[in-house]
Amino acid sequence: MTMTIITFGVLETTALEGNSMARNDARPVITLRSTAGTGQSYVTRKNRRNNPDRLVLRKYDPAAGQHVLFREER
C-alpha cells in the first residue's frame, strides 16, 4: 500500500508496507502439544528471557476429557 501526500505543492510518496512494528524475537509464537497422544495443541507466545527452556503447562485436553501436560514443540 502506498500513500501519496501533497503538501505545499510538493508530491511525497510514503510506503506503508513493512514499516509497522515488528514482532519481538524475545516473544516467539510456540505450539504446545498434548502429552496424552491425542494430537491436541494450543498456540501461545512465551518470553524467552524469562523462560529459556521448553515450556510445560497443564491445560485441558478436550479429546482426553481431562487436564494433561502440554509440552512446547519446536
Protein backbone atom coordinates (compact mmCIF):
# COMPACT_ATOMS: atom_id res chain seq x y z
CA MET A 1 0.00 0.00 0.00
CA THR A 2 1.36 3.42 -0.91
CA MET A 3 0.05 6.72 0.40
CA THR A 4 0.54 9.91 -1.59
CA ILE A 5 0.56 13.23 0.26
CA ILE A 6 0.65 16.66 -1.40
CA THR A 7 1.92 19.45 0.85
CA PHE A 8 2.85 22.94 -0.32
CA GLY A 9 2.92 21.78 -3.93
CA VAL A 10 5.47 19.02 -3.22
CA LEU A 11 4.49 15.45 -4.00
CA GLU A 12 5.52 12.97 -1.30
CA THR A 13 5.05 9.21 -1.56
CA THR A 14 5.25 7.13 1.58
CA ALA A 15 5.38 3.34 1.55
CA LEU A 16 3.30 1.96 4.41
CA GLU A 17 4.17 -1.71 3.96
CA GLY A 18 6.89 -3.15 6.13
CA ASN A 19 7.07 -0.11 8.39
CA SER A 20 4.71 -1.49 11.01
CA MET A 21 6.09 -2.53 14.36
CA ALA A 22 7.97 -5.80 14.08
CA ARG A 23 7.20 -8.72 16.34
CA ASN A 24 9.79 -9.06 19.06
CA ASP A 25 12.05 -12.10 18.79
CA ALA A 26 12.11 -12.27 22.59
CA ARG A 27 8.43 -13.39 22.47
CA PRO A 28 8.09 -16.06 19.76
CA VAL A 29 4.88 -17.91 18.92
CA ILE A 30 5.11 -21.52 20.17
CA THR A 31 2.96 -24.64 19.87
CA LEU A 32 2.05 -26.67 22.95
CA ARG A 33 1.33 -30.34 22.11
CA SER A 34 -0.60 -32.70 24.41
CA THR A 35 1.36 -35.48 26.12
CA ALA A 36 -1.78 -37.65 26.13
CA GLY A 37 -1.15 -38.52 22.48
CA THR A 38 -4.44 -37.09 21.21
CA GLY A 39 -2.84 -34.60 18.81
CA GLN A 40 -4.49 -31.65 20.56
CA SER A 41 -2.42 -28.46 20.57
CA TYR A 42 -2.51 -24.87 21.80
CA VAL A 43 -0.72 -21.89 20.24
CA THR A 44 0.66 -19.20 22.54
CA ARG A 45 3.58 -16.79 23.00
CA LYS A 46 6.37 -17.03 25.54
CA ASN A 47 9.08 -14.75 26.84
CA ARG A 48 12.45 -16.31 26.00
CA ARG A 49 14.21 -14.12 28.53
CA ASN A 50 12.15 -15.44 31.47
CA ASN A 51 11.59 -18.99 30.14
CA PRO A 52 14.58 -20.09 28.04
CA ASP A 53 13.78 -23.81 28.49
CA ARG A 54 10.89 -25.64 26.87
CA LEU A 55 7.56 -24.64 28.34
CA VAL A 56 5.33 -27.25 30.04
CA LEU A 57 1.78 -26.26 31.07
CA ARG A 58 -1.13 -28.23 32.47
CA LYS A 59 -4.13 -27.49 30.25
CA TYR A 60 -7.45 -29.09 29.31
CA ASP A 61 -7.38 -31.65 26.51
CA PRO A 62 -10.93 -31.98 25.11
CA ALA A 63 -10.12 -35.25 23.31
CA ALA A 64 -8.88 -36.84 26.55
CA GLY A 65 -11.59 -35.13 28.62
CA GLN A 66 -9.17 -34.08 31.36
CA HIS A 67 -6.28 -31.78 32.21
CA VAL A 68 -2.92 -33.11 30.95
CA LEU A 69 0.58 -31.75 30.44
CA PHE A 70 1.23 -29.82 27.23
CA ARG A 71 4.88 -29.50 26.16
CA GLU A 72 6.43 -26.92 23.87
CA GLU A 73 7.08 -28.24 20.38
CA ARG A 74 9.89 -26.86 18.22
